[in-house]
Protein backbone atom coordinates (compact mmCIF):
# COMPACT_ATOMS: atom_id res chain seq x y z
CA MET A 1 122.02 56.93 66.58
CA ALA A 2 120.88 57.51 63.04
CA SER A 3 123.51 57.54 60.32
CA ASP A 4 123.35 59.75 57.20
CA SER A 5 119.89 61.00 58.18
CA SER A 6 117.84 63.06 55.74
CA ALA A 7 118.17 66.80 56.29
CA SER A 8 116.18 68.36 53.45
CA GLY A 9 114.73 71.71 54.44
CA ARG A 10 116.73 71.75 57.65
CA ARG A 11 119.84 73.39 59.09
CA LEU A 12 122.66 70.87 58.84
CA GLY A 13 126.04 71.35 60.52
CA ILE A 14 129.06 69.50 59.12
CA LEU A 15 132.06 68.72 61.32
CA GLY A 16 134.85 66.83 59.61
CA GLY A 17 138.12 65.53 60.93
CA THR A 18 140.25 62.46 61.30
CA PHE A 19 138.75 61.91 64.78
CA ASP A 20 141.78 59.82 65.71
CA PRO A 21 140.46 59.72 68.39
CA ILE A 22 137.39 61.90 68.77
CA HIS A 23 137.55 63.81 72.08
CA LEU A 24 135.57 66.13 74.31
CA GLY A 25 136.85 69.20 72.48
CA HIS A 26 135.18 68.02 69.25
CA LEU A 27 131.92 67.39 71.08
CA ALA A 28 131.97 70.76 72.87
CA ILE A 29 132.49 72.57 69.56
CA ALA A 30 129.66 70.70 67.88
CA GLU A 31 127.26 71.32 70.76
CA GLU A 32 128.07 75.04 70.93
CA VAL A 33 127.57 75.57 67.19
CA TRP A 34 124.38 73.48 67.26
CA ALA A 35 122.97 75.81 69.92
CA ARG A 36 124.33 79.13 68.65
CA CYS A 37 123.42 78.56 64.99
CA ALA A 38 120.05 76.90 65.72
CA LEU A 39 121.00 73.74 63.83
CA ASP A 40 118.81 70.68 63.56
CA THR A 41 121.67 68.20 63.24
CA VAL A 42 125.45 68.16 63.35
CA LEU A 43 126.89 65.55 61.00
CA PHE A 44 130.26 64.12 62.04
CA ILE A 45 132.24 63.05 58.96
CA PRO A 46 135.46 61.11 59.66
CA ALA A 47 138.02 61.91 56.95
CA GLY A 48 138.97 59.22 54.50
CA ASP A 49 142.38 60.22 53.12
CA PRO A 50 142.93 63.90 53.94
CA PRO A 51 145.71 65.59 51.92
CA HIS A 52 147.05 67.56 54.92
CA LYS A 53 147.63 64.70 57.40
CA PRO A 54 151.13 63.19 57.06
CA PHE A 55 150.80 60.50 59.75
CA GLU A 56 149.36 57.04 59.24
CA GLN A 57 145.80 57.06 60.48
CA THR A 58 143.99 54.47 62.53
CA GLY A 59 141.74 52.28 60.39
CA ALA A 60 138.48 53.75 59.14
CA ALA A 61 136.32 51.21 60.97
CA HIS A 62 137.91 52.09 64.32
CA ARG A 63 137.60 55.84 63.82
CA ALA A 64 133.97 55.57 62.72
CA ARG A 65 133.16 53.34 65.68
CA MET A 66 134.73 55.81 68.12
CA VAL A 67 132.60 58.62 66.68
CA GLU A 68 129.53 56.40 66.89
CA LEU A 69 130.22 55.66 70.56
CA ALA A 70 130.96 59.32 71.36
CA ILE A 71 127.71 60.68 69.93
CA ALA A 72 125.36 57.82 70.85
CA ASP A 73 123.62 59.74 73.64
CA ASN A 74 123.05 62.95 71.67
CA PRO A 75 119.91 62.99 69.49
CA HIS A 76 121.08 65.93 67.37
CA PHE A 77 124.45 64.40 66.44
CA SER A 78 124.79 61.95 63.55
CA LEU A 79 127.56 60.00 61.81
CA SER A 80 128.30 59.91 58.09
CA ARG A 81 130.78 57.46 56.54
CA MET A 82 130.68 59.18 53.16
CA GLU A 83 134.37 60.14 53.06
CA LEU A 84 135.47 56.75 54.37
CA GLU A 85 133.56 55.04 51.57
CA ARG A 86 134.72 57.41 48.80
CA PRO A 87 138.04 56.51 47.10
CA GLY A 88 140.86 59.02 46.70
CA LEU A 89 141.85 62.07 48.70
CA SER A 90 139.15 63.71 50.84
CA TYR A 91 138.58 67.34 49.90
CA THR A 92 136.02 69.43 51.74
CA VAL A 93 134.62 70.92 48.56
CA ASP A 94 133.82 67.44 47.17
CA THR A 95 132.08 66.44 50.40
CA LEU A 96 129.99 69.60 50.42
CA ARG A 97 128.99 69.12 46.79
CA ALA A 98 127.82 65.60 47.60
CA LEU A 99 125.86 66.87 50.59
CA ARG A 100 124.30 69.64 48.54
CA THR A 101 123.13 67.08 45.98
CA ALA A 102 121.74 64.81 48.70
CA HIS A 103 120.08 67.60 50.71
CA GLN A 104 119.10 70.22 48.16
CA GLU A 105 116.77 72.13 50.48
CA ALA A 106 119.05 72.08 53.53
CA ALA A 107 121.06 75.05 54.78
CA LEU A 108 124.61 73.77 55.25
CA PHE A 109 126.97 75.04 57.97
CA PHE A 110 130.58 73.92 57.65
CA ILE A 111 132.33 73.99 61.04
CA LEU A 112 136.08 74.43 61.43
CA GLY A 113 138.47 75.63 64.09
CA ALA A 114 139.63 79.23 64.03
CA ASP A 115 143.21 78.01 63.54
CA ALA A 116 142.13 76.19 60.38
CA ALA A 117 140.17 79.25 59.28
CA ALA A 118 143.44 81.18 59.08
CA GLU A 119 144.60 78.71 56.40
CA PHE A 120 141.21 78.30 54.74
CA PHE A 121 142.04 80.18 51.53
CA SER A 122 144.91 77.78 50.82
CA TRP A 123 142.40 74.91 50.60
CA ARG A 124 141.04 73.54 47.34
CA GLU A 125 138.32 75.86 45.94
CA PRO A 126 137.66 77.91 49.10
CA ARG A 127 135.19 80.21 47.32
CA ALA A 128 133.20 77.20 46.17
CA ILE A 129 133.11 75.96 49.77
CA MET A 130 131.69 79.30 50.89
CA ALA A 131 129.09 79.20 48.12
CA LEU A 132 127.98 75.73 49.21
CA ALA A 133 127.84 76.35 52.95
CA GLN A 134 128.02 78.99 55.63
CA VAL A 135 131.49 78.61 57.13
CA VAL A 136 131.53 78.73 60.94
CA ALA A 137 134.93 79.40 62.54
CA VAL A 138 135.03 78.24 66.15
CA SER A 139 137.49 79.81 68.56
CA ARG A 140 138.31 79.19 72.17
CA PRO A 141 138.45 81.83 74.92
CA GLY A 142 141.54 83.99 74.48
CA PHE A 143 141.91 83.42 70.73
CA PRO A 144 143.32 86.59 69.10
CA GLU A 145 140.51 88.98 68.23
CA ASP A 146 142.26 90.15 65.06
CA ALA A 147 142.18 86.59 63.72
CA LEU A 148 138.45 86.38 64.42
CA ALA A 149 137.92 89.76 62.77
CA ALA A 150 139.70 88.47 59.67
CA ALA A 151 137.40 85.43 59.59
CA ARG A 152 134.33 87.64 59.89
CA ALA A 153 135.63 89.97 57.18
CA ALA A 154 135.97 86.94 54.90
CA GLY A 155 132.29 86.15 55.41
CA MET A 156 132.57 83.52 58.11
CA VAL A 157 130.42 83.30 61.21
CA THR A 158 132.52 83.14 64.38
CA VAL A 159 131.56 81.28 67.54
CA THR A 160 133.52 81.09 70.78
CA ALA A 161 133.16 77.67 72.37
CA PRO A 162 134.15 76.49 75.85
CA GLY A 163 137.83 75.65 75.80
CA VAL A 164 138.86 72.00 76.12
CA ALA A 165 142.64 72.09 75.78
CA VAL A 166 143.20 68.66 74.30
CA SER A 167 144.30 67.35 70.91
CA SER A 168 144.08 63.98 69.21
CA HIS A 169 147.89 64.02 68.86
CA GLU A 170 148.25 64.38 72.62
CA LEU A 171 145.71 61.63 73.26
CA ARG A 172 147.52 59.20 70.97
CA ALA A 173 150.73 59.90 72.86
CA ARG A 174 149.00 59.32 76.21
CA ALA A 175 147.49 56.05 75.02
CA ARG A 176 150.88 54.94 73.71
CA GLN A 177 152.28 55.42 77.24
CA GLY A 178 149.32 53.64 78.82
CA TRP A 179 148.16 56.83 80.55
CA SER A 180 144.52 57.51 81.40
CA LEU A 181 142.22 59.18 78.85
CA ARG A 182 139.43 59.63 81.36
CA TYR A 183 137.77 63.08 81.27
CA LEU A 184 139.48 63.73 77.92
CA VAL A 185 137.35 61.44 75.74
CA PRO A 186 133.90 59.95 76.41
CA ASP A 187 134.09 56.90 78.67
CA ALA A 188 132.87 54.58 75.91
CA VAL A 189 135.66 55.81 73.63
CA ALA A 190 138.32 55.32 76.33
CA GLU A 191 137.05 51.78 76.90
CA TYR A 192 137.10 51.04 73.18
CA ILE A 193 140.68 52.30 72.80
CA THR A 194 141.76 50.04 75.66
CA GLU A 195 139.82 47.01 74.44
CA GLN A 196 141.17 47.32 70.90
CA GLY A 197 144.71 48.21 71.96
CA LEU A 198 144.67 51.31 69.76
CA TYR A 199 147.75 53.55 69.58
CA ARG A 200 149.89 51.26 71.75
CA ASN A 201 152.15 50.31 68.84
CA ALA A 202 152.05 53.66 67.02
């Protein structure tokens, strides 16, 4: 799988997150937006030091490797380590500015969950984010229509993706108990978590 591939003149989706661990819900969202927004590539960007995550994250190398394993069989998914390699807190607006500089002719599509979209205007420089990229708010079936209407009124595109009711927090708890992660994360990711003993001492 190519990493940090050139996207000039193309339609580039950006999906950020701690990916601790990446799971099938992340992949379903990315695939749905790729199809619905006619994207060329979806770039997965593991967060370096996000300001809104209070827990201690798994090491950057492990999180990047899990993303790499999860997307290896999908030719239109790619991994970027840009936030992991950049010092300081990871702000979306800084990442998008760097991507705009690197891919000046690309149309950027920033993907976030509809829950996060409700808090979007409390983020750093939200208007700048919207100037740099089309914001795509992804909901699951049954998400309140008024919340989606608010996202659309703010200028976001809304996409309803197949629901995979799983969270990274839940998966860390399951791994800590030694419970199976099969059918919740890609098989290669489940094997990696077991091999590396991730989350067992969290």
